Every structure is written in structure tokens, then in C-alpha cells.
């Protein structure tokens, strides 16, 4: 099963920050979560399991945290995490699902 889930965002929850501050970021993606128990209404067949399996967060290309999900996670998972700002650069979210699909979004940060 190939699903094109290409919507998502990663962003700081406040814009006024400087080097040394700890800022809360939020990462959200639009992704259906199927447990493998629901039936497709049109075919009557059981839908295969389909869920976001992992989210990795990178800051200037260095992994700073990761989140593991399971089939019981809600659709369109959203996570919040703290990040200490050490320099300008990029914060990137890399989502991977159980079918091997990968999706990436990033935000450029410029401490004041």
C-alpha cells in the first residue's frame, strides 16, 4: 500500500527566542492510522495496518530526539518537544510509517 501523506509541519511555539533558550516545538503530520481491524466499506475487506512508526527530530543535521509510535496512536499524530537553541539553522522532522514511506519537513530558525 502506498499512501501519499505529504502534509505536515514543524514549528516553534514561540518566535521570540535567543541562543541559550529552551523552546517548545511542535511537529504534526496528516496520516491515517489503521489498526488492521477495520473493514473497507466499499470492498468489505479488512484494511491492512498502516501507521506512523517513527519520528526523528534533527537540529542542524544531528539527531536530537526520536519518537516511536504503535498502531494504537491516533490519526494525524502531534508531538511537542523542548529544544535548546544553540545556533541558527534548521530543525527537521522525519516521519516514517510501517509501509516504508518517509516524509520530511523542516523549519529554519534564526535566534534573535
Protein backbone atom coordinates (compact mmCIF):
# COMPACT_ATOMS: atom_id res chain seq x y z
CA UNK A 1 0.00 0.00 0.00
CA UNK A 2 1.42 3.36 -0.98
CA UNK A 3 -0.15 6.43 0.54
CA UNK A 4 0.90 9.94 -0.27
CA UNK A 5 0.83 11.73 3.08
CA UNK A 6 2.62 14.90 2.22
CA UNK A 7 1.18 17.36 4.69
CA UNK A 8 2.86 18.24 7.91
CA UNK A 9 4.54 20.99 9.82
CA UNK A 10 7.26 21.54 12.37
CA UNK A 11 7.41 24.87 14.17
CA UNK A 12 8.49 26.60 17.36
CA UNK A 13 5.56 27.55 19.58
CA UNK A 14 7.05 30.99 20.12
CA UNK A 15 9.06 33.17 17.76
CA UNK A 16 10.91 35.40 20.21
CA UNK A 17 13.92 33.32 21.32
CA UNK A 18 17.67 33.71 21.58
CA UNK A 19 20.69 31.42 21.79
CA UNK A 20 20.56 29.53 25.08
CA UNK A 21 16.75 29.48 25.32
CA UNK A 22 14.79 26.23 25.54
CA UNK A 23 11.93 26.45 23.07
CA UNK A 24 8.97 24.08 22.72
CA UNK A 25 8.50 22.84 19.14
CA UNK A 26 5.50 21.06 17.67
CA UNK A 27 5.52 18.53 14.83
CA UNK A 28 2.27 17.43 13.18
CA UNK A 29 1.59 15.24 10.16
CA UNK A 30 -1.61 14.25 8.37
CA UNK A 31 -1.60 10.45 8.28
CA UNK A 32 -4.40 7.90 8.65
CA UNK A 33 -3.89 5.25 11.29
CA UNK A 34 -5.41 1.86 10.53
CA UNK A 35 -5.22 -0.88 13.19
CA UNK A 36 -5.78 -3.77 10.81
CA UNK A 37 -9.24 -4.44 12.27
CA UNK A 38 -11.41 -2.03 10.24
CA UNK A 39 -13.12 -3.09 7.05
CA UNK A 40 -13.07 -1.10 3.83
CA UNK A 41 -16.68 -0.05 3.29
CA UNK A 42 -16.51 -0.45 -0.49
CA UNK A 43 -14.81 -3.87 -0.65
CA UNK A 44 -15.64 -5.41 2.72
CA UNK A 45 -12.00 -6.45 3.13
CA UNK A 46 -10.01 -5.73 6.26
CA UNK A 47 -7.69 -2.77 5.78
CA UNK A 48 -4.02 -3.56 6.46
CA UNK A 49 -2.27 -1.99 9.43
CA UNK A 50 -0.99 1.47 8.48
CA UNK A 51 0.51 3.90 10.95
CA UNK A 52 3.35 6.32 11.61
CA UNK A 53 6.06 4.19 13.14
CA UNK A 54 8.78 6.71 13.97
CA UNK A 55 9.51 10.42 14.09
CA UNK A 56 13.11 11.62 14.20
CA UNK A 57 13.98 15.24 15.00
CA UNK A 58 17.25 16.68 13.69
CA UNK A 59 18.82 20.01 14.59
CA UNK A 60 21.41 21.12 12.04
CA UNK A 61 21.51 17.51 10.74
CA UNK A 62 22.20 15.99 14.19
CA UNK A 63 19.50 13.76 15.69
CA UNK A 64 18.31 15.30 18.95
CA UNK A 65 15.29 13.10 19.73
CA UNK A 66 13.03 10.44 18.31
CA UNK A 67 9.54 9.12 18.98
CA UNK A 68 8.28 5.58 18.39
CA UNK A 69 4.58 5.08 17.67
CA UNK A 70 2.41 1.99 17.53
CA UNK A 71 -0.79 1.11 15.73
CA UNK A 72 -2.85 2.43 18.66
CA UNK A 73 -1.66 6.02 18.05
CA UNK A 74 -4.28 8.47 16.90
CA UNK A 75 -4.55 9.66 13.30
CA UNK A 76 -2.57 12.80 12.47
CA UNK A 77 -0.10 12.44 15.34
CA UNK A 78 1.15 15.61 17.00
CA UNK A 79 4.15 15.82 19.33
CA UNK A 80 5.67 18.65 21.33
CA UNK A 81 9.27 18.64 22.48
CA UNK A 82 11.77 21.06 24.09
CA UNK A 83 14.88 22.10 22.19
CA UNK A 84 17.77 24.19 23.48
CA UNK A 85 18.70 26.76 20.85
CA UNK A 86 22.47 26.79 20.32
CA UNK A 87 22.70 28.47 16.91
CA UNK A 88 20.78 29.46 13.81
CA UNK A 89 19.97 26.60 11.48
CA UNK A 90 17.35 24.01 10.62
CA UNK A 91 15.10 21.82 12.70
CA UNK A 92 13.87 18.87 10.66
CA UNK A 93 11.17 16.26 11.29
CA UNK A 94 11.42 12.90 9.51
CA UNK A 95 8.32 10.69 9.76
CA UNK A 96 8.44 7.00 8.76
CA UNK A 97 5.43 4.71 8.53
CA UNK A 98 5.18 0.93 8.78
CA UNK A 99 4.93 0.58 4.98
CA UNK A 100 8.34 2.18 4.38
CA UNK A 101 7.15 5.65 3.36
CA UNK A 102 9.18 8.63 4.59
CA UNK A 103 8.17 12.28 4.78
CA UNK A 104 10.30 15.26 5.84
CA UNK A 105 9.53 18.85 6.82
CA UNK A 106 11.89 21.45 8.20
CA UNK A 107 11.93 24.95 9.61
CA UNK A 108 14.78 27.45 9.59
CA UNK A 109 15.38 29.13 12.92
CA UNK A 110 17.10 32.47 13.46
CA UNK A 111 17.66 33.30 17.14
CA UNK A 112 17.47 37.00 17.94
